[in-house]
């Protein structure tokens, strides 16, 4: 039913490859590694990091900015596609009563790590220095979580679907947190009108208008002309405008494509999270996703290479706060809120799933990795605190071992 295994091999293996190279490089030749990360491609252009200059601040395009703020927008657009399909389309996985228990468990899975992170920071007396990192342990890496979940539960266990819904909802919440709590500069919300205009404009001019003009004409000449002649270019232009608007608005520009995703023509039916059938669809949204598949692999390799290069000497309090927030807060929050949804609220669990599966799902979901690395890079300025927090995100892969052990302790019934 699911093509998540392809998602794992296509995206996460490239990411982890870049991360491993970065770790080795940063710990053997740190000067050359950091020179690569901060390498300037050009200065004085319309996009880039704002830096002080002799006359006035100017934007500098570094390799780090290119990947984190620019190219990662395509990765988040693919994630947003799955979230939007699950929420908006007929038969969407996050629609109706069937999604309520994993959605409520998601709230616990995001709140639990925040509580653990902040309480431990307060107990250690470092709250003032690390408070901005509270959102780092809220993340769940979809691909790695699926891979580990499959090892623990088996391919056909209902907990796998529960885990996928939870992880997707978690990513949606993470995107909202990034947009609201981690602006990339001084917030200028008026610029978001440009993003809104781009989204509404392309939706009406390239989607709604041709269909209205073709009403009553079975040949659909105008819609066909837009599809065959213009292709994805109207949405590429709208995406560029929206990305620029997010940068100028002070929001993280990697989220700049999100308003455009729902405007792209799509099949009216949702086939499921990462459903195999999607690869055979010819609607523009699925075609664009397929076209981005290979480029995004290299984007994630570059992201891992430019963000995971932290020296082991930087391990400190933020490392353990992020790690413990994930491996303690996630299981506690998901178990508690999942139990509340299933029993006091009488929403139940998927057929074949038991209450003892919830803490195991929580341990699996504690793998933050990709999104946790990204949040760490925007939560703290470059330096030892950011590096220590990133190390906690990398160490979250240990949750795989914890999840396997928890599965045996809870006597999970694998369904192969």
Protein backbone atom coordinates (compact mmCIF):
# COMPACT_ATOMS: atom_id res chain seq x y z
CA UNK A 1 0.00 0.00 0.00
CA UNK A 2 2.74 2.44 0.86
CA UNK A 3 5.83 3.50 -1.04
CA UNK A 4 7.55 4.82 2.11
CA UNK A 5 10.42 2.37 1.66
CA UNK A 6 11.25 4.21 -1.58
CA UNK A 7 10.93 7.48 0.34
CA UNK A 8 13.46 6.20 2.88
CA UNK A 9 15.99 5.04 0.31
CA UNK A 10 15.52 8.05 -1.97
CA UNK A 11 15.73 10.80 0.63
CA UNK A 12 17.03 9.73 4.04
CA UNK A 13 20.01 7.70 2.89
CA UNK A 14 21.33 10.71 0.97
CA UNK A 15 20.73 12.89 4.03
CA UNK A 16 22.51 10.54 6.40
CA UNK A 17 25.37 10.14 3.93
CA UNK A 18 25.90 13.90 3.93
CA UNK A 19 25.65 13.97 7.72
CA UNK A 20 28.27 11.25 8.19
CA UNK A 21 30.70 13.01 5.84
CA UNK A 22 30.07 16.29 7.68
CA UNK A 23 30.78 14.73 11.09
CA UNK A 24 34.03 13.18 9.90
CA UNK A 25 35.12 16.35 8.10
CA UNK A 26 34.28 18.72 10.98
CA UNK A 27 36.15 16.57 13.48
CA UNK A 28 39.28 16.10 11.34
CA UNK A 29 39.61 19.39 9.44
CA UNK A 30 37.19 21.89 11.03
CA UNK A 31 38.66 25.00 9.37
CA UNK A 32 38.14 23.75 5.82
CA UNK A 33 34.69 22.44 6.71
CA UNK A 34 33.48 25.77 8.08
CA UNK A 35 35.04 27.55 5.11
CA UNK A 36 32.81 25.43 2.88
CA UNK A 37 29.68 26.10 4.94
CA UNK A 38 30.15 29.87 4.86
CA UNK A 39 31.52 30.06 1.31
CA UNK A 40 30.14 33.19 -0.39
CA UNK A 41 28.59 32.66 -3.81
CA UNK A 42 27.85 36.36 -4.34
CA UNK A 43 27.11 39.53 -2.40
CA UNK A 44 24.84 42.51 -2.92
CA UNK A 45 22.03 40.60 -4.63
CA UNK A 46 18.32 40.63 -3.77
CA UNK A 47 18.45 37.39 -1.74
CA UNK A 48 20.73 36.08 0.96
CA UNK A 49 21.73 36.66 4.56
CA UNK A 50 21.68 40.28 5.71
CA UNK A 51 25.15 41.35 6.77
CA UNK A 52 26.54 44.67 7.92
CA UNK A 53 28.53 46.58 5.30
CA UNK A 54 30.37 49.90 5.11
CA UNK A 55 27.50 51.90 3.65
CA UNK A 56 24.38 49.84 4.38
CA UNK A 57 23.43 46.25 5.15
CA UNK A 58 23.63 43.96 2.12
CA UNK A 59 22.47 40.45 1.35
CA UNK A 60 25.13 37.79 0.96
CA UNK A 61 24.42 34.44 -0.68
CA UNK A 62 26.36 31.72 1.13
CA UNK A 63 26.32 28.02 0.40
CA UNK A 64 24.57 27.47 3.73
CA UNK A 65 21.82 29.97 2.85
CA UNK A 66 21.39 28.46 -0.61
CA UNK A 67 20.59 25.03 0.82
CA UNK A 68 18.86 25.86 4.12
CA UNK A 69 16.77 28.83 3.02
CA UNK A 70 16.45 28.21 -0.71
CA UNK A 71 16.66 24.62 -1.89
CA UNK A 72 15.12 23.08 1.23
CA UNK A 73 11.89 24.80 0.17
CA UNK A 74 11.43 21.95 -2.32
CA UNK A 75 11.72 19.33 0.43
CA UNK A 76 9.15 21.13 2.58
CA UNK A 77 6.90 21.49 -0.46
CA UNK A 78 6.90 17.69 -0.90
CA UNK A 79 6.08 17.22 2.79
CA UNK A 80 3.36 19.87 2.51
CA UNK A 81 1.85 18.02 -0.46
CA UNK A 82 1.30 14.91 1.66
CA UNK A 83 -0.12 16.96 4.54
CA UNK A 84 -2.46 18.91 2.24
CA UNK A 85 -3.71 15.76 0.51
CA UNK A 86 -4.36 14.07 3.85
CA UNK A 87 -6.33 17.06 5.18
CA UNK A 88 -8.16 18.52 2.17
CA UNK A 89 -8.96 15.77 -0.31
CA UNK A 90 -11.75 13.22 -0.30
CA UNK A 91 -10.79 10.14 1.72
CA UNK A 92 -7.82 12.04 3.17
CA UNK A 93 -6.01 10.20 5.94
CA UNK A 94 -6.35 13.12 8.36
CA UNK A 95 -10.07 13.67 7.75
CA UNK A 96 -12.89 12.53 9.97
CA UNK A 97 -13.11 10.59 13.18
CA UNK A 98 -10.53 7.97 12.15
CA UNK A 99 -7.75 10.55 12.44
CA UNK A 100 -8.72 12.03 15.81
CA UNK A 101 -6.77 9.64 18.05
CA UNK A 102 -3.42 10.02 16.19
CA UNK A 103 -4.01 13.78 15.94
CA UNK A 104 -4.59 14.07 19.69
CA UNK A 105 -1.57 11.83 20.29
CA UNK A 106 0.42 14.23 18.09
CA UNK A 107 -0.43 17.11 20.42
CA UNK A 108 1.01 15.07 23.29
CA UNK A 109 3.99 14.11 21.18
CA UNK A 110 4.80 17.79 20.66
CA UNK A 111 3.89 19.07 24.13
CA UNK A 112 5.75 16.34 26.04
CA UNK A 113 9.21 17.13 24.60
CA UNK A 114 8.71 20.87 25.20
CA UNK A 115 7.83 20.27 28.86
CA UNK A 116 10.78 17.91 29.40
CA UNK A 117 13.20 20.27 27.58
CA UNK A 118 12.17 23.37 29.54
CA UNK A 119 11.95 21.61 32.91
CA UNK A 120 15.40 20.07 32.54
CA UNK A 121 16.82 23.41 31.35
CA UNK A 122 15.35 25.07 34.43
CA UNK A 123 16.74 22.37 36.71
CA UNK A 124 20.21 22.77 35.18
CA UNK A 125 20.03 26.55 35.47
CA UNK A 126 20.56 27.15 31.73
CA UNK A 127 17.01 28.14 30.75
CA UNK A 128 17.97 31.68 29.78
CA UNK A 129 20.66 30.43 27.39
CA UNK A 130 18.73 27.62 25.69
CA UNK A 131 15.05 28.59 25.89
CA UNK A 132 14.86 29.31 22.14
CA UNK A 133 15.52 25.65 21.42
CA UNK A 134 12.26 24.41 22.95
CA UNK A 135 10.84 23.41 19.54
CA UNK A 136 13.79 21.27 18.43
CA UNK A 137 12.63 18.03 20.13
CA UNK A 138 9.05 18.37 18.83
CA UNK A 139 10.11 16.99 15.43
CA UNK A 140 9.56 13.49 14.06
CA UNK A 141 11.47 12.21 11.05
CA UNK A 142 8.85 10.49 8.86
CA UNK A 143 11.20 8.30 6.86
CA UNK A 144 13.38 6.96 9.66
CA UNK A 145 10.38 6.53 11.95
CA UNK A 146 8.65 4.43 9.33
CA UNK A 147 11.75 2.32 8.80
CA UNK A 148 12.15 1.61 12.52
CA UNK A 149 8.40 1.16 13.01
CA UNK A 150 8.39 -1.48 10.32
CA UNK A 151 11.22 -3.31 12.10
CA UNK A 152 9.34 -3.21 15.42
CA UNK A 153 5.72 -3.78 14.36
CA UNK A 154 6.02 -5.47 10.98
CA UNK A 155 4.83 -4.12 7.65
CA UNK A 156 1.08 -4.69 8.15
CA UNK A 157 0.55 -3.75 11.78
CA UNK A 158 -2.11 -1.00 12.23
CA UNK A 159 0.38 0.93 14.37
CA UNK A 160 2.30 1.72 11.16
CA UNK A 161 -0.61 3.73 9.76
CA UNK A 162 -1.08 5.36 13.17
CA UNK A 163 2.61 6.29 13.21
CA UNK A 164 2.52 7.76 9.69
CA UNK A 165 -0.52 9.92 10.46
CA UNK A 166 1.12 11.09 13.67
CA UNK A 167 4.40 11.91 11.92
CA UNK A 168 2.70 13.85 9.12
CA UNK A 169 0.60 15.84 11.59
CA UNK A 170 3.78 16.41 13.60
CA UNK A 171 5.50 17.84 10.52
CA UNK A 172 2.52 20.11 9.85
CA UNK A 173 2.77 21.40 13.42
CA UNK A 174 6.52 21.82 13.01
CA UNK A 175 6.06 23.95 9.90
CA UNK A 176 3.59 26.15 11.77
CA UNK A 177 6.05 26.54 14.67
CA UNK A 178 8.83 27.53 12.26
CA UNK A 179 6.64 30.16 10.62
CA UNK A 180 5.30 31.66 13.86
CA UNK A 181 8.11 31.39 16.40
CA UNK A 182 11.27 31.47 14.30
CA UNK A 183 11.16 34.40 11.89
CA UNK A 184 14.37 34.83 9.92
CA UNK A 185 14.53 38.57 10.49
CA UNK A 186 12.45 41.59 11.49
CA UNK A 187 8.86 40.64 10.70
CA UNK A 188 7.23 42.70 7.94
CA UNK A 189 3.85 40.97 7.45
CA UNK A 190 2.79 43.27 4.61
CA UNK A 191 5.09 41.29 2.31
CA UNK A 192 2.86 38.25 2.82
CA UNK A 193 0.28 40.01 0.66
CA UNK A 194 2.63 39.29 -2.26
CA UNK A 195 2.63 35.59 -1.37
CA UNK A 196 -1.16 35.62 -1.08
CA UNK A 197 -1.52 37.45 -4.39
CA UNK A 198 0.81 34.96 -6.09
CA UNK A 199 -1.17 31.99 -4.76
CA UNK A 200 -4.60 33.42 -5.60
CA UNK A 201 -3.43 34.77 -8.95
CA UNK A 202 -1.99 31.50 -10.23
CA UNK A 203 -4.95 29.53 -8.87
CA UNK A 204 -7.44 31.72 -10.71
CA UNK A 205 -5.56 32.52 -13.93
CA UNK A 206 -4.02 29.09 -14.60
CA UNK A 207 -6.58 26.83 -12.96
CA UNK A 208 -10.09 28.24 -12.43
CA UNK A 209 -10.33 30.63 -15.42
CA UNK A 210 -9.44 28.08 -18.16
CA UNK A 211 -11.98 25.61 -16.77
CA UNK A 212 -14.70 28.25 -16.68
CA UNK A 213 -13.96 29.31 -20.25
CA UNK A 214 -14.14 25.65 -21.30
CA UNK A 215 -17.48 25.09 -19.61
CA UNK A 216 -19.78 23.24 -22.03
CA UNK A 217 -16.92 22.39 -24.40
CA UNK A 218 -15.86 18.76 -24.09
CA UNK A 219 -12.60 19.39 -25.97
CA UNK A 220 -11.43 21.76 -23.16
CA UNK A 221 -9.07 23.70 -25.49
CA UNK A 222 -8.03 26.39 -23.02
CA UNK A 223 -7.35 24.01 -20.14
CA UNK A 224 -5.40 21.78 -22.53
CA UNK A 225 -3.36 24.72 -23.80
CA UNK A 226 -2.49 25.79 -20.23
CA UNK A 227 -1.49 22.22 -19.31
CA UNK A 228 0.54 21.45 -22.43
CA UNK A 229 2.01 24.85 -23.29
CA UNK A 230 2.51 26.56 -19.95
CA UNK A 231 3.04 23.40 -17.87
CA UNK A 232 4.38 24.11 -14.40
CA UNK A 233 5.85 27.54 -15.26
CA UNK A 234 2.98 29.65 -13.85
CA UNK A 235 3.39 27.87 -10.52
CA UNK A 236 7.18 28.18 -10.69
CA UNK A 237 6.79 31.95 -11.06
CA UNK A 238 4.22 32.09 -8.26
CA UNK A 239 6.54 29.99 -6.07
CA UNK A 240 9.47 32.33 -6.68
CA UNK A 241 7.34 35.35 -5.74
CA UNK A 242 6.03 33.62 -2.62
CA UNK A 243 9.54 32.54 -1.59
CA UNK A 244 10.81 36.11 -1.99
CA UNK A 245 7.82 37.44 -0.04
CA UNK A 246 8.58 35.11 2.86
CA UNK A 247 12.21 36.27 2.91
CA UNK A 248 11.24 39.94 2.90
CA UNK A 249 8.49 39.32 5.49
CA UNK A 250 11.08 37.94 7.91
CA UNK A 251 9.62 34.43 7.89
CA UNK A 252 11.83 31.49 7.06
CA UNK A 253 11.93 31.39 3.24
CA UNK A 254 12.21 27.60 3.17
CA UNK A 255 8.47 27.68 3.90
CA UNK A 256 7.81 30.02 1.01
CA UNK A 257 6.35 27.41 -1.35
CA UNK A 258 3.71 26.20 1.10
CA UNK A 259 0.97 28.68 0.02
CA UNK A 260 1.43 27.60 -3.62
CA UNK A 261 1.09 23.82 -3.11
CA UNK A 262 -2.73 23.80 -2.64
CA UNK A 263 -3.21 25.84 -5.84
CA UNK A 264 -1.59 23.23 -8.12
CA UNK A 265 -4.11 21.07 -10.05
CA UNK A 266 -4.52 17.71 -8.38
CA UNK A 267 -6.60 14.55 -8.73
CA UNK A 268 -9.74 14.86 -6.64
CA UNK A 269 -9.01 11.64 -4.77
CA UNK A 270 -6.43 10.98 -2.07
CA UNK A 271 -4.83 7.56 -2.44
CA UNK A 272 -3.17 7.44 0.98
CA UNK A 273 0.05 8.59 2.60
CA UNK A 274 2.87 7.90 0.11
CA UNK A 275 0.48 5.60 -1.80
CA UNK A 276 1.94 3.52 -4.62
CA UNK A 277 -0.85 4.63 -6.96
CA UNK A 278 0.38 8.24 -6.92
CA UNK A 279 3.36 7.45 -9.13
CA UNK A 280 0.96 6.67 -11.99
CA UNK A 281 -1.03 9.91 -11.69
CA UNK A 282 -0.70 12.54 -14.42
CA UNK A 283 -2.12 15.52 -12.52
CA UNK A 284 0.31 18.42 -12.27
CA UNK A 285 0.95 18.18 -8.52
CA UNK A 286 2.05 14.55 -8.72
CA UNK A 287 4.04 15.21 -11.89
CA UNK A 288 5.92 18.03 -10.13
CA UNK A 289 6.60 15.79 -7.12
CA UNK A 290 8.03 13.10 -9.40
CA UNK A 291 10.18 15.71 -11.16
CA UNK A 292 11.59 16.93 -7.85
CA UNK A 293 12.49 13.45 -6.65
CA UNK A 294 16.12 13.34 -7.83
CA UNK A 295 16.95 17.05 -7.19
CA UNK A 296 15.64 16.81 -3.63
CA UNK A 297 17.90 13.81 -2.96
CA UNK A 298 20.92 16.01 -3.67
CA UNK A 299 19.40 18.89 -1.72
CA UNK A 300 19.13 16.65 1.35
CA UNK A 301 22.68 15.41 0.85
CA UNK A 302 23.85 19.04 0.79
CA UNK A 303 21.67 19.89 3.79
CA UNK A 304 23.19 17.06 5.81
CA UNK A 305 26.69 18.02 4.68
CA UNK A 306 26.28 21.70 5.60
CA UNK A 307 24.40 21.25 8.88
CA UNK A 308 25.56 18.07 10.61
CA UNK A 309 29.23 18.99 10.82
CA UNK A 310 29.55 19.53 14.55
CA UNK A 311 32.60 18.77 16.63
CA UNK A 312 32.20 16.23 19.42
CA UNK A 313 33.87 18.71 21.77
CA UNK A 314 30.73 20.88 21.57
CA UNK A 315 28.58 18.30 23.39
CA UNK A 316 27.01 20.10 26.34
CA UNK A 317 23.68 20.79 28.06
CA UNK A 318 21.69 21.55 24.86
CA UNK A 319 22.70 18.14 23.49
CA UNK A 320 21.13 16.30 26.41
CA UNK A 321 18.12 18.62 26.57
CA UNK A 322 17.23 17.89 22.95
CA UNK A 323 17.96 14.18 23.24
CA UNK A 324 16.06 13.68 26.52
CA UNK A 325 13.21 15.85 25.28
CA UNK A 326 12.84 13.40 22.40
CA UNK A 327 13.41 10.03 24.07
CA UNK A 328 11.46 10.88 27.26
CA UNK A 329 8.95 13.54 26.20
CA UNK A 330 7.76 11.88 22.98
CA UNK A 331 6.80 8.49 24.48
CA UNK A 332 5.21 10.08 27.56
CA UNK A 333 3.22 12.63 25.58
CA UNK A 334 2.03 10.21 22.90
CA UNK A 335 1.09 7.53 25.45
CA UNK A 336 -0.79 9.92 27.74
CA UNK A 337 -2.69 11.82 25.05
CA UNK A 338 -3.30 8.67 23.01
CA UNK A 339 -4.81 6.97 26.08
CA UNK A 340 -7.00 10.01 26.77
CA UNK A 341 -8.26 9.98 23.18
CA UNK A 342 -8.83 6.22 23.08
CA UNK A 343 -10.59 5.75 26.43
CA UNK A 344 -11.87 8.86 28.28
CA UNK A 345 -12.84 10.45 24.94
CA UNK A 346 -13.95 7.04 23.57
CA UNK A 347 -12.36 7.57 20.16
CA UNK A 348 -10.66 4.20 20.26
CA UNK A 349 -7.57 2.84 18.54
CA UNK A 350 -7.27 1.34 15.06
CA UNK A 351 -8.51 -2.24 14.91
CA UNK A 352 -5.70 -4.59 15.89
CA UNK A 353 -3.76 -1.94 17.83
CA UNK A 354 -3.50 -2.18 21.63
CA UNK A 355 -2.80 0.39 24.32
CA UNK A 356 0.60 -1.19 24.99
CA UNK A 357 1.60 -0.24 21.44
CA UNK A 358 1.37 3.49 22.24
CA UNK A 359 4.64 3.86 24.23
CA UNK A 360 6.43 1.90 21.52
CA UNK A 361 5.03 4.26 18.86
CA UNK A 362 6.27 7.11 21.06
CA UNK A 363 9.78 5.68 21.14
CA UNK A 364 9.78 5.29 17.36
CA UNK A 365 8.51 8.86 16.89
CA UNK A 366 11.39 10.14 19.05
CA UNK A 367 13.68 10.05 16.01
CA UNK A 368 13.87 13.78 15.20
CA UNK A 369 16.85 13.98 12.86
CA UNK A 370 15.94 15.92 9.67
CA UNK A 371 13.46 18.49 10.96
CA UNK A 372 15.18 18.66 14.36
CA UNK A 373 18.44 19.57 12.60
CA UNK A 374 16.63 22.21 10.61
CA UNK A 375 14.95 23.77 13.66
CA UNK A 376 18.26 23.78 15.54
CA UNK A 377 19.85 25.72 12.69
CA UNK A 378 17.22 28.48 12.97
CA UNK A 379 16.64 28.42 16.74
CA UNK A 380 20.20 29.40 17.67
CA UNK A 381 22.83 31.52 15.93
CA UNK A 382 25.87 29.71 14.57
CA UNK A 383 28.13 28.75 17.45
CA UNK A 384 28.63 26.22 20.24
CA UNK A 385 25.00 26.25 21.47
CA UNK A 386 23.66 25.52 17.99
CA UNK A 387 26.27 22.81 17.45
CA UNK A 388 25.41 21.18 20.79
CA UNK A 389 21.68 21.20 19.93
CA UNK A 390 22.41 19.67 16.51
CA UNK A 391 24.35 16.90 18.19
CA UNK A 392 21.24 16.09 20.23
CA UNK A 393 19.24 15.84 17.00
CA UNK A 394 21.84 13.48 15.53
CA UNK A 395 21.93 11.39 18.70
CA UNK A 396 18.14 10.94 18.45
CA UNK A 397 18.85 8.06 16.09
CA UNK A 398 19.53 6.05 19.27
CA UNK A 399 15.74 6.00 19.66
CA UNK A 400 15.76 3.21 17.09
CA UNK A 401 17.51 0.93 19.58
CA UNK A 402 15.21 2.08 22.39
CA UNK A 403 12.12 1.42 20.24
CA UNK A 404 13.25 -2.12 19.39
CA UNK A 405 13.87 -2.82 23.09
CA UNK A 406 10.51 -1.28 24.04
CA UNK A 407 8.78 -3.47 21.46
CA UNK A 408 10.16 -6.58 23.12
CA UNK A 409 9.40 -5.38 26.64
CA UNK A 410 5.80 -4.54 25.65
CA UNK A 411 5.52 -7.81 23.71
CA UNK A 412 4.40 -6.17 20.52
CA UNK A 413 2.76 -8.63 18.15
CA UNK A 414 4.52 -8.16 14.83
CA UNK A 415 2.35 -8.35 11.74
CA UNK A 416 4.38 -9.33 8.70
